[in-house]
Amino acid sequence: MNPRVKSVEPIKDYLLEIVFNNDEKKVFDLKPYLDFGLFSELKDLALFQTAKAELGTVIWNNGLDICPDTLYLDSKKLD
């Protein structure tokens, strides 16, 4: 099983800075998802900024969440 989200900070340009429960820090680019289904709602920057870590993943105030495995595997490690 891949690590789960411990904390998240939404940053500029639809990026999420994520700390996983193995203490790795990574950045996830949400832009490729913004034209698909409910993720298009996150084009609203105010809603995007509501991202928070809960139950090992990232959720937003509209109830949308994203697979924690996707977050881990498709993010880039921070130095």
Protein backbone atom coordinates (compact mmCIF):
# COMPACT_ATOMS: atom_id res chain seq x y z
CA MET A 1 0.00 0.00 0.00
CA ASN A 2 1.27 3.45 -0.87
CA PRO A 3 1.67 6.15 1.78
CA ARG A 4 -1.35 8.24 2.71
CA VAL A 5 -1.73 12.00 2.96
CA LYS A 6 -0.76 13.53 6.30
CA SER A 7 -1.10 17.19 5.30
CA VAL A 8 -1.78 19.26 2.20
CA GLU A 9 -1.34 22.88 1.19
CA PRO A 10 -2.89 24.25 -2.00
CA ILE A 11 -0.36 26.48 -3.74
CA LYS A 12 -0.32 28.50 -6.94
CA ASP A 13 -1.30 27.21 -10.35
CA TYR A 14 -3.48 24.31 -9.10
CA LEU A 15 -0.62 22.58 -7.34
CA LEU A 16 -0.92 20.73 -4.05
CA GLU A 17 2.05 20.45 -1.73
CA ILE A 18 1.54 17.18 0.12
CA VAL A 19 3.27 15.54 3.07
CA PHE A 20 2.66 11.80 3.20
CA ASN A 21 2.65 9.65 6.32
CA ASN A 22 6.15 8.40 5.44
CA ASP A 23 7.24 12.09 5.69
CA GLU A 24 7.90 12.44 1.96
CA LYS A 25 7.05 15.87 0.55
CA LYS A 26 5.68 15.96 -2.97
CA VAL A 27 3.83 18.28 -5.33
CA PHE A 28 0.76 17.11 -7.22
CA ASP A 29 -0.38 19.00 -10.33
CA LEU A 30 -4.17 19.02 -10.50
CA LYS A 31 -4.38 20.89 -13.85
CA PRO A 32 -4.70 17.73 -16.02
CA TYR A 33 -7.83 16.75 -14.05
CA LEU A 34 -9.68 20.08 -14.27
CA ASP A 35 -11.50 19.25 -17.51
CA PHE A 36 -12.95 15.97 -16.25
CA GLY A 37 -16.26 15.50 -14.42
CA LEU A 38 -16.59 17.02 -11.00
CA PHE A 39 -12.94 18.08 -10.97
CA SER A 40 -13.96 20.97 -13.25
CA GLU A 41 -15.56 22.55 -10.17
CA LEU A 42 -12.03 23.03 -8.79
CA LYS A 43 -11.32 25.62 -11.48
CA ASP A 44 -12.94 27.92 -8.92
CA LEU A 45 -9.81 29.00 -7.04
CA ALA A 46 -11.76 29.67 -3.85
CA LEU A 47 -12.96 26.06 -3.85
CA PHE A 48 -9.52 24.71 -4.84
CA GLN A 49 -8.04 26.52 -1.82
CA THR A 50 -10.32 24.54 0.54
CA ALA A 51 -8.22 21.38 0.06
CA LYS A 52 -7.53 19.56 3.32
CA ALA A 53 -6.11 16.24 4.42
CA GLU A 54 -8.72 13.83 5.72
CA LEU A 55 -8.89 10.03 5.96
CA GLY A 56 -5.49 9.69 4.25
CA THR A 57 -6.36 11.68 1.15
CA VAL A 58 -7.25 15.20 -0.02
CA ILE A 59 -10.83 16.43 0.08
CA TRP A 60 -12.50 19.72 -0.81
CA ASN A 61 -15.51 21.53 0.65
CA ASN A 62 -17.76 20.28 -2.15
CA GLY A 63 -17.15 16.67 -0.99
CA LEU A 64 -14.81 15.81 -3.86
CA ASP A 65 -11.79 13.67 -3.06
CA ILE A 66 -9.02 12.02 -5.03
CA CYS A 67 -7.44 8.59 -4.75
CA PRO A 68 -4.45 8.72 -2.39
CA ASP A 69 -2.56 6.28 -4.61
CA THR A 70 -2.95 8.70 -7.53
CA LEU A 71 -1.69 11.54 -5.36
CA TYR A 72 1.38 9.56 -4.35
CA LEU A 73 2.26 7.93 -7.66
CA ASP A 74 1.60 10.97 -9.89
CA SER A 75 3.28 13.63 -7.74
CA LYS A 76 6.84 14.88 -7.92
CA LYS A 77 9.18 14.69 -4.98
CA LEU A 78 10.36 17.94 -3.41
CA ASP A 79 14.03 18.27 -2.61
